[in-house]
């Protein structure tokens, strides 16, 4: 089993994201709604696995089949649908790599990743706790990726709940009848 490596935040991660997002923008053109830096490398100061995660959101689900073929032909390894209508690709590059997800504009997984990222960005104490959890799990996992991922599930779910409450409470609401 390949060891799980969690490293200190690298200030080059935003630049690496910008470089790969430029490439993806050129590949997918005007059918692309947005490219978002997601995952731990998108949170300044957060320890992470040295993989830049990004979501490429298409303007419509109808463009996904073509986008999948375009990215497959561009030196990315295709991993299929993650089970949430997000198609995963990877590319290794020296000491780091990229994990690209293609999805449509109303993808729940994408929305949750943005919510999680944004919450950690404005709650450094939560980001610190997440980094500590990831380091502990990486050490305990012995290369078992299922163990590592499952160990983060409760933390991620709790953070999404907190983020959702924060988002909901910040929006105007009408009084109940």
C-alpha atoms as a PDB file:
ATOM      1  CA  UNK A   1       0.000   0.000   0.000  1.00  0.00           C
ATOM      2  CA  UNK A   2       1.135   3.493  -0.834  1.00  0.00           C
ATOM      3  CA  UNK A   3       1.749   5.650   2.244  1.00  0.00           C
ATOM      4  CA  UNK A   4      -0.586   8.557   2.842  1.00  0.00           C
ATOM      5  CA  UNK A   5       1.444  11.725   2.937  1.00  0.00           C
ATOM      6  CA  UNK A   6       0.067  14.877   4.569  1.00  0.00           C
ATOM      7  CA  UNK A   7       2.436  17.822   4.269  1.00  0.00           C
ATOM      8  CA  UNK A   8       2.554  21.365   5.603  1.00  0.00           C
ATOM      9  CA  UNK A   9       0.822  24.024   3.543  1.00  0.00           C
ATOM     10  CA  UNK A  10       2.824  24.990   0.476  1.00  0.00           C
ATOM     11  CA  UNK A  11       2.430  28.606  -0.686  1.00  0.00           C
ATOM     12  CA  UNK A  12       2.938  27.444  -4.281  1.00  0.00           C
ATOM     13  CA  UNK A  13      -0.412  25.607  -4.307  1.00  0.00           C
ATOM     14  CA  UNK A  14      -2.464  28.626  -5.471  1.00  0.00           C
ATOM     15  CA  UNK A  15      -0.016  29.148  -8.356  1.00  0.00           C
ATOM     16  CA  UNK A  16      -0.202  25.470  -9.305  1.00  0.00           C
ATOM     17  CA  UNK A  17      -3.992  25.705  -9.258  1.00  0.00           C
ATOM     18  CA  UNK A  18      -3.855  28.782 -11.510  1.00  0.00           C
ATOM     19  CA  UNK A  19      -1.595  26.982 -13.976  1.00  0.00           C
ATOM     20  CA  UNK A  20      -3.737  23.859 -14.262  1.00  0.00           C
ATOM     21  CA  UNK A  21      -6.970  25.856 -14.344  1.00  0.00           C
ATOM     22  CA  UNK A  22      -5.633  27.824 -17.309  1.00  0.00           C
ATOM     23  CA  UNK A  23      -4.962  24.557 -19.115  1.00  0.00           C
ATOM     24  CA  UNK A  24      -8.432  23.228 -18.276  1.00  0.00           C
ATOM     25  CA  UNK A  25     -10.041  26.500 -19.394  1.00  0.00           C
ATOM     26  CA  UNK A  26      -8.348  26.214 -22.765  1.00  0.00           C
ATOM     27  CA  UNK A  27      -9.389  22.566 -23.100  1.00  0.00           C
ATOM     28  CA  UNK A  28     -13.043  23.079 -22.202  1.00  0.00           C
ATOM     29  CA  UNK A  29     -13.574  26.577 -23.572  1.00  0.00           C
ATOM     30  CA  UNK A  30     -16.872  28.396 -23.392  1.00  0.00           C
ATOM     31  CA  UNK A  31     -18.755  25.354 -22.135  1.00  0.00           C
ATOM     32  CA  UNK A  32     -17.071  25.831 -18.787  1.00  0.00           C
ATOM     33  CA  UNK A  33     -18.950  27.722 -16.078  1.00  0.00           C
ATOM     34  CA  UNK A  34     -16.179  27.792 -13.463  1.00  0.00           C
ATOM     35  CA  UNK A  35     -13.058  26.127 -12.186  1.00  0.00           C
ATOM     36  CA  UNK A  36     -12.839  26.032  -8.420  1.00  0.00           C
ATOM     37  CA  UNK A  37      -9.887  25.176  -6.220  1.00  0.00           C
ATOM     38  CA  UNK A  38     -11.275  22.719  -3.679  1.00  0.00           C
ATOM     39  CA  UNK A  39      -9.815  20.380  -1.098  1.00  0.00           C
ATOM     40  CA  UNK A  40      -7.245  21.100   1.563  1.00  0.00           C
ATOM     41  CA  UNK A  41      -4.739  22.739  -0.778  1.00  0.00           C
ATOM     42  CA  UNK A  42      -7.316  25.493  -1.324  1.00  0.00           C
ATOM     43  CA  UNK A  43      -7.288  26.542   2.345  1.00  0.00           C
ATOM     44  CA  UNK A  44      -4.327  28.794   3.206  1.00  0.00           C
ATOM     45  CA  UNK A  45      -2.245  27.330   6.014  1.00  0.00           C
ATOM     46  CA  UNK A  46      -3.921  23.905   5.977  1.00  0.00           C
ATOM     47  CA  UNK A  47      -1.799  20.757   5.835  1.00  0.00           C
ATOM     48  CA  UNK A  48      -2.773  18.568   2.897  1.00  0.00           C
ATOM     49  CA  UNK A  49      -1.871  15.720   0.644  1.00  0.00           C
ATOM     50  CA  UNK A  50       0.224  17.248  -2.165  1.00  0.00           C
ATOM     51  CA  UNK A  51      -2.561  17.011  -4.762  1.00  0.00           C
ATOM     52  CA  UNK A  52      -4.308  20.059  -6.153  1.00  0.00           C
ATOM     53  CA  UNK A  53      -8.045  19.316  -6.269  1.00  0.00           C
ATOM     54  CA  UNK A  54     -10.230  21.245  -8.655  1.00  0.00           C
ATOM     55  CA  UNK A  55     -13.811  21.117  -9.830  1.00  0.00           C
ATOM     56  CA  UNK A  56     -14.501  22.080 -13.426  1.00  0.00           C
ATOM     57  CA  UNK A  57     -18.175  22.973 -13.599  1.00  0.00           C
ATOM     58  CA  UNK A  58     -19.764  22.809 -17.026  1.00  0.00           C
ATOM     59  CA  UNK A  59     -22.533  25.235 -18.015  1.00  0.00           C
ATOM     60  CA  UNK A  60     -24.845  22.276 -18.586  1.00  0.00           C
ATOM     61  CA  UNK A  61     -24.882  18.545 -17.892  1.00  0.00           C
ATOM     62  CA  UNK A  62     -25.325  17.992 -21.626  1.00  0.00           C
ATOM     63  CA  UNK A  63     -21.693  19.012 -22.215  1.00  0.00           C
ATOM     64  CA  UNK A  64     -20.260  16.479 -19.760  1.00  0.00           C
ATOM     65  CA  UNK A  65     -19.796  13.564 -22.212  1.00  0.00           C
ATOM     66  CA  UNK A  66     -17.776  15.738 -24.596  1.00  0.00           C
ATOM     67  CA  UNK A  67     -15.807  17.314 -21.745  1.00  0.00           C
ATOM     68  CA  UNK A  68     -14.938  13.868 -20.380  1.00  0.00           C
ATOM     69  CA  UNK A  69     -13.530  12.810 -23.746  1.00  0.00           C
ATOM     70  CA  UNK A  70     -11.565  16.049 -24.155  1.00  0.00           C
ATOM     71  CA  UNK A  71      -9.933  15.691 -20.736  1.00  0.00           C
ATOM     72  CA  UNK A  72      -9.250  11.980 -21.256  1.00  0.00           C
ATOM     73  CA  UNK A  73      -7.327  12.881 -24.404  1.00  0.00           C
ATOM     74  CA  UNK A  74      -5.253  15.493 -22.539  1.00  0.00           C
ATOM     75  CA  UNK A  75      -2.894  13.316 -20.500  1.00  0.00           C
ATOM     76  CA  UNK A  76      -5.201  12.832 -17.515  1.00  0.00           C
ATOM     77  CA  UNK A  77      -5.967   9.404 -16.072  1.00  0.00           C
ATOM     78  CA  UNK A  78      -9.719   8.806 -16.039  1.00  0.00           C
ATOM     79  CA  UNK A  79     -11.203   7.244 -12.890  1.00  0.00           C
ATOM     80  CA  UNK A  80     -14.902   7.372 -13.767  1.00  0.00           C
ATOM     81  CA  UNK A  81     -17.895   8.727 -11.901  1.00  0.00           C
ATOM     82  CA  UNK A  82     -17.357   9.210  -8.168  1.00  0.00           C
ATOM     83  CA  UNK A  83     -20.960   8.172  -7.614  1.00  0.00           C
ATOM     84  CA  UNK A  84     -22.222  11.713  -7.338  1.00  0.00           C
ATOM     85  CA  UNK A  85     -22.251  12.747 -10.989  1.00  0.00           C
ATOM     86  CA  UNK A  86     -18.646  13.988 -10.734  1.00  0.00           C
ATOM     87  CA  UNK A  87     -16.120  12.442 -13.093  1.00  0.00           C
ATOM     88  CA  UNK A  88     -12.627  12.108 -11.654  1.00  0.00           C
ATOM     89  CA  UNK A  89      -9.265  12.453 -13.376  1.00  0.00           C
ATOM     90  CA  UNK A  90      -5.718  12.581 -12.046  1.00  0.00           C
ATOM     91  CA  UNK A  91      -2.350  13.658 -13.307  1.00  0.00           C
ATOM     92  CA  UNK A  92       0.913  13.365 -11.425  1.00  0.00           C
ATOM     93  CA  UNK A  93       3.482  16.100 -11.777  1.00  0.00           C
ATOM     94  CA  UNK A  94       6.839  15.879  -9.994  1.00  0.00           C
ATOM     95  CA  UNK A  95       6.296  16.094  -6.212  1.00  0.00           C
ATOM     96  CA  UNK A  96       2.594  16.883  -6.471  1.00  0.00           C
ATOM     97  CA  UNK A  97      -0.387  15.978  -8.574  1.00  0.00           C
ATOM     98  CA  UNK A  98      -3.776  17.123  -9.737  1.00  0.00           C
ATOM     99  CA  UNK A  99      -7.207  15.674  -9.104  1.00  0.00           C
ATOM    100  CA  UNK A 100      -9.788  17.098 -11.480  1.00  0.00           C
ATOM    101  CA  UNK A 101     -13.524  16.572 -11.159  1.00  0.00           C
ATOM    102  CA  UNK A 102     -15.949  17.420 -13.954  1.00  0.00           C
ATOM    103  CA  UNK A 103     -19.527  18.129 -12.974  1.00  0.00           C
ATOM    104  CA  UNK A 104     -22.655  19.956 -14.006  1.00  0.00           C
ATOM    105  CA  UNK A 105     -23.836  23.304 -12.650  1.00  0.00           C
ATOM    106  CA  UNK A 106     -26.183  21.975  -9.968  1.00  0.00           C
ATOM    107  CA  UNK A 107     -23.938  19.294  -8.522  1.00  0.00           C
ATOM    108  CA  UNK A 108     -24.470  18.719  -4.809  1.00  0.00           C
ATOM    109  CA  UNK A 109     -20.969  17.339  -4.229  1.00  0.00           C
ATOM    110  CA  UNK A 110     -19.477  20.464  -5.756  1.00  0.00           C
ATOM    111  CA  UNK A 111     -21.627  22.745  -3.601  1.00  0.00           C
ATOM    112  CA  UNK A 112     -20.621  20.828  -0.472  1.00  0.00           C
ATOM    113  CA  UNK A 113     -16.932  21.059  -1.289  1.00  0.00           C
ATOM    114  CA  UNK A 114     -17.190  24.815  -1.781  1.00  0.00           C
ATOM    115  CA  UNK A 115     -19.127  25.166   1.470  1.00  0.00           C
ATOM    116  CA  UNK A 116     -16.537  23.074   3.341  1.00  0.00           C
ATOM    117  CA  UNK A 117     -13.616  25.003   1.835  1.00  0.00           C
ATOM    118  CA  UNK A 118     -15.140  28.389   2.565  1.00  0.00           C
ATOM    119  CA  UNK A 119     -15.964  27.452   6.143  1.00  0.00           C
ATOM    120  CA  UNK A 120     -12.406  26.309   6.834  1.00  0.00           C
ATOM    121  CA  UNK A 121     -11.027  29.483   5.271  1.00  0.00           C
ATOM    122  CA  UNK A 122     -12.856  31.678   7.776  1.00  0.00           C
ATOM    123  CA  UNK A 123     -12.582  29.346  10.789  1.00  0.00           C
ATOM    124  CA  UNK A 124      -8.868  28.721  11.358  1.00  0.00           C
ATOM    125  CA  UNK A 125      -9.524  26.781  14.560  1.00  0.00           C
ATOM    126  CA  UNK A 126     -11.631  24.308  12.578  1.00  0.00           C
ATOM    127  CA  UNK A 127      -8.962  24.107   9.861  1.00  0.00           C
ATOM    128  CA  UNK A 128      -6.316  23.402  12.514  1.00  0.00           C
ATOM    129  CA  UNK A 129      -8.432  20.602  13.987  1.00  0.00           C
ATOM    130  CA  UNK A 130      -8.878  19.146  10.498  1.00  0.00           C
ATOM    131  CA  UNK A 131      -5.127  19.221   9.869  1.00  0.00           C
ATOM    132  CA  UNK A 132      -4.487  17.436  13.164  1.00  0.00           C
ATOM    133  CA  UNK A 133      -7.097  14.799  12.325  1.00  0.00           C
ATOM    134  CA  UNK A 134      -5.626  14.212   8.862  1.00  0.00           C
ATOM    135  CA  UNK A 135      -2.095  13.850  10.207  1.00  0.00           C
ATOM    136  CA  UNK A 136      -3.244  11.393  12.873  1.00  0.00           C
ATOM    137  CA  UNK A 137      -5.272   9.352  10.392  1.00  0.00           C
ATOM    138  CA  UNK A 138      -2.416   9.281   7.875  1.00  0.00           C
ATOM    139  CA  UNK A 139      -0.083   7.937  10.568  1.00  0.00           C
ATOM    140  CA  UNK A 140      -2.604   5.332  11.745  1.00  0.00           C
ATOM    141  CA  UNK A 141      -3.808   4.251   8.304  1.00  0.00           C
ATOM    142  CA  UNK A 142      -0.643   2.480   7.215  1.00  0.00           C
ATOM    143  CA  UNK A 143      -1.535   3.211   3.600  1.00  0.00           C
ATOM    144  CA  UNK A 144      -5.183   2.172   3.982  1.00  0.00           C
ATOM    145  CA  UNK A 145      -6.977   4.905   2.027  1.00  0.00           C
ATOM    146  CA  UNK A 146     -10.424   3.641   2.999  1.00  0.00           C
ATOM    147  CA  UNK A 147      -9.489   3.975   6.684  1.00  0.00           C
ATOM    148  CA  UNK A 148      -8.092   7.463   6.105  1.00  0.00           C
ATOM    149  CA  UNK A 149     -11.138   8.658   4.175  1.00  0.00           C
ATOM    150  CA  UNK A 150     -13.661   7.087   6.548  1.00  0.00           C
ATOM    151  CA  UNK A 151     -11.878   8.666   9.493  1.00  0.00           C
ATOM    152  CA  UNK A 152     -12.593  12.129   8.106  1.00  0.00           C
ATOM    153  CA  UNK A 153     -16.288  11.540   7.419  1.00  0.00           C
ATOM    154  CA  UNK A 154     -17.708  12.680  10.754  1.00  0.00           C
ATOM    155  CA  UNK A 155     -15.535  15.798  10.829  1.00  0.00           C
ATOM    156  CA  UNK A 156     -16.526  16.741   7.281  1.00  0.00           C
ATOM    157  CA  UNK A 157     -20.224  16.131   7.989  1.00  0.00           C
ATOM    158  CA  UNK A 158     -20.094  18.228  11.159  1.00  0.00           C
ATOM    159  CA  UNK A 159     -18.284  21.022   9.341  1.00  0.00           C
ATOM    160  CA  UNK A 160     -20.844  21.004   6.537  1.00  0.00           C
ATOM    161  CA  UNK A 161     -23.621  21.198   9.120  1.00  0.00           C
ATOM    162  CA  UNK A 162     -21.916  24.167  10.788  1.00  0.00           C
ATOM    163  CA  UNK A 163     -21.308  25.829   7.438  1.00  0.00           C
ATOM    164  CA  UNK A 164     -24.885  25.248   6.352  1.00  0.00           C
ATOM    165  CA  UNK A 165     -26.191  26.752   9.595  1.00  0.00           C
ATOM    166  CA  UNK A 166     -23.914  29.747   9.128  1.00  0.00           C
ATOM    167  CA  UNK A 167     -25.038  30.195   5.518  1.00  0.00           C
ATOM    168  CA  UNK A 168     -28.697  29.765   6.400  1.00  0.00           C
ATOM    169  CA  UNK A 169     -28.534  32.185   9.328  1.00  0.00           C
ATOM    170  CA  UNK A 170     -26.855  34.827   7.149  1.00  0.00           C
ATOM    171  CA  UNK A 171     -29.733  34.825   4.661  1.00  0.00           C
ATOM    172  CA  UNK A 172     -32.915  36.847   5.153  1.00  0.00           C
ATOM    173  CA  UNK A 173     -35.924  34.729   6.025  1.00  0.00           C
ATOM    174  CA  UNK A 174     -39.571  35.536   6.295  1.00  0.00           C
ATOM    175  CA  UNK A 175     -41.374  34.895   9.535  1.00  0.00           C
ATOM    176  CA  UNK A 176     -43.296  31.616   9.681  1.00  0.00           C
ATOM    177  CA  UNK A 177     -47.064  31.774   9.272  1.00  0.00           C
END
